[in-house]
Amino acid sequence: MAISRVNPSTMLKPSGFAHAVRAGNTVYLAGQTALNAEGKIVEGGIIEQFRQAMSNTLTSLVEAGGKPSDLVSVTIYLTDIPNYQANGREIGRLWREMAGTEYPAMAGIGVTSLWQKEALIEIQGIAVVDE
């Protein structure tokens, strides 16, 4: 089975990991925080960070040959679950706008911190794409 590492040129160059790894028709998406192309966490709180982290995740997926409806599993790591829940309507609207309504299996996990201290959210996923 062919394995390829996927690192979109529009995203910050990764160091010590790949943004995505495609093994056959399965794509493993690295955890994405709200880093922009300049290597800074976007400002504006959980909604803007969700938008950027999701955009990073989907950019990697598309570069690997997939589309949002190919997502089969998504894990969202959060430093403040109540803040995420309080903004759930807007985050849900953004999800539908960006990824549609064919939802994958999902988990939300509270953590004390993420790799970048300003990060409030990290999104990791698995997709199954057409050969």
Protein backbone atom coordinates (compact mmCIF):
# COMPACT_ATOMS: atom_id res chain seq x y z
CA MET A 1 0.00 0.00 0.00
CA ALA A 2 1.29 3.43 -0.93
CA ILE A 3 1.76 5.94 1.88
CA SER A 4 2.12 9.63 1.14
CA ARG A 5 2.71 12.63 3.35
CA VAL A 6 0.63 15.67 2.51
CA ASN A 7 1.73 19.21 3.39
CA PRO A 8 -0.27 21.93 1.60
CA SER A 9 1.93 24.78 0.36
CA THR A 10 -0.66 27.31 1.58
CA MET A 11 -0.15 26.23 5.19
CA LEU A 12 2.72 26.76 7.58
CA LYS A 13 5.45 24.21 6.86
CA PRO A 14 5.24 21.49 9.51
CA SER A 15 8.21 20.60 11.68
CA GLY A 16 8.39 17.02 12.93
CA PHE A 17 5.02 15.91 11.53
CA ALA A 18 2.92 15.85 8.36
CA HIS A 19 -0.35 17.76 8.06
CA ALA A 20 -1.89 14.58 6.64
CA VAL A 21 -0.83 11.05 5.81
CA ARG A 22 -2.66 9.10 3.14
CA ALA A 23 -2.40 5.32 3.39
CA GLY A 24 -4.39 3.72 0.59
CA ASN A 25 -7.79 5.36 0.74
CA THR A 26 -7.53 6.41 4.39
CA VAL A 27 -6.36 9.92 5.28
CA TYR A 28 -5.10 10.64 8.79
CA LEU A 29 -5.34 14.35 9.53
CA ALA A 30 -2.91 15.83 12.04
CA GLY A 31 -4.27 17.93 14.86
CA GLN A 32 -4.79 21.47 13.59
CA THR A 33 -4.94 24.50 15.83
CA ALA A 34 -5.86 28.00 14.65
CA LEU A 35 -2.42 28.73 13.21
CA ASN A 36 -2.49 30.97 10.17
CA ALA A 37 0.06 30.83 7.33
CA GLU A 38 2.31 33.25 9.25
CA GLY A 39 2.51 30.89 12.22
CA LYS A 40 0.29 32.92 14.55
CA ILE A 41 -2.85 31.79 16.35
CA VAL A 42 -5.75 33.87 15.03
CA GLU A 43 -7.36 36.32 17.43
CA GLY A 44 -11.06 36.62 18.15
CA GLY A 45 -11.85 33.75 20.51
CA ILE A 46 -13.24 30.28 20.05
CA ILE A 47 -15.37 31.01 16.97
CA GLU A 48 -12.50 32.45 14.93
CA GLN A 49 -10.17 29.74 16.20
CA PHE A 50 -12.68 27.06 15.22
CA ARG A 51 -12.96 28.59 11.74
CA GLN A 52 -9.16 28.60 11.25
CA ALA A 53 -8.56 25.14 12.75
CA MET A 54 -11.36 23.66 10.63
CA SER A 55 -10.04 25.43 7.53
CA ASN A 56 -6.58 23.97 8.19
CA THR A 57 -8.07 20.50 8.62
CA LEU A 58 -10.12 20.71 5.43
CA THR A 59 -7.23 22.20 3.43
CA SER A 60 -5.13 19.16 4.36
CA LEU A 61 -7.98 16.80 3.50
CA VAL A 62 -8.57 18.35 0.07
CA GLU A 63 -4.84 18.30 -0.68
CA ALA A 64 -4.88 14.57 0.13
CA GLY A 65 -7.65 14.02 -2.41
CA GLY A 66 -10.67 14.10 -0.12
CA LYS A 67 -13.69 16.25 0.61
CA PRO A 68 -15.50 17.13 3.85
CA SER A 69 -18.11 14.38 3.42
CA ASP A 70 -15.24 11.83 3.46
CA LEU A 71 -14.59 12.53 7.17
CA VAL A 72 -15.41 9.46 9.25
CA SER A 73 -14.03 10.58 12.62
CA VAL A 74 -13.19 13.95 14.15
CA THR A 75 -11.74 14.65 17.59
CA ILE A 76 -11.88 18.18 18.95
CA TYR A 77 -9.57 19.06 21.83
CA LEU A 78 -10.71 22.07 23.88
CA THR A 79 -9.14 24.11 26.64
CA ASP A 80 -12.55 25.51 27.70
CA ILE A 81 -15.53 23.22 27.06
CA PRO A 82 -18.13 25.63 28.54
CA ASN A 83 -16.92 28.38 26.15
CA TYR A 84 -17.27 26.00 23.20
CA GLN A 85 -20.75 24.96 24.36
CA ALA A 86 -21.82 28.59 24.84
CA ASN A 87 -20.88 29.25 21.21
CA GLY A 88 -22.27 25.95 19.94
CA ARG A 89 -24.90 27.45 17.63
CA GLU A 90 -22.38 29.57 15.74
CA ILE A 91 -19.81 26.77 15.67
CA GLY A 92 -22.48 24.41 14.32
CA ARG A 93 -23.39 26.95 11.63
CA LEU A 94 -19.73 27.25 10.66
CA TRP A 95 -19.39 23.45 10.52
CA ARG A 96 -22.37 23.19 8.16
CA GLU A 97 -21.02 26.05 6.02
CA MET A 98 -17.56 24.53 5.78
CA ALA A 99 -18.18 20.78 5.90
CA GLY A 100 -21.87 20.19 5.18
CA THR A 101 -24.35 18.09 7.09
CA GLU A 102 -22.91 14.61 6.64
CA TYR A 103 -21.44 14.43 10.12
CA PRO A 104 -18.64 12.06 11.11
CA ALA A 105 -18.32 10.29 14.42
CA MET A 106 -17.07 12.97 16.82
CA ALA A 107 -15.57 13.43 20.25
CA GLY A 108 -14.91 16.59 22.24
CA ILE A 109 -12.17 16.29 24.83
CA GLY A 110 -11.22 18.83 27.48
CA VAL A 111 -7.50 19.43 27.93
CA THR A 112 -5.48 21.75 30.14
CA SER A 113 -3.41 23.18 27.29
CA LEU A 114 -2.44 22.76 23.64
CA TRP A 115 0.92 23.07 21.85
CA GLN A 116 0.56 26.82 21.28
CA LYS A 117 -0.37 28.49 24.57
CA GLU A 118 -2.89 30.81 22.84
CA ALA A 119 -4.71 27.90 21.18
CA LEU A 120 -8.21 27.16 22.46
CA ILE A 121 -9.00 24.31 20.06
CA GLU A 122 -7.33 21.55 18.05
CA ILE A 123 -9.10 19.42 15.45
CA GLN A 124 -7.87 15.99 14.34
CA GLY A 125 -9.59 13.65 11.91
CA ILE A 126 -9.70 10.53 9.80
CA ALA A 127 -11.24 10.34 6.34
CA VAL A 128 -11.87 7.58 3.82
CA VAL A 129 -11.56 8.82 0.24
CA ASP A 130 -12.20 7.32 -3.18
CA GLU A 131 -9.24 5.49 -4.72
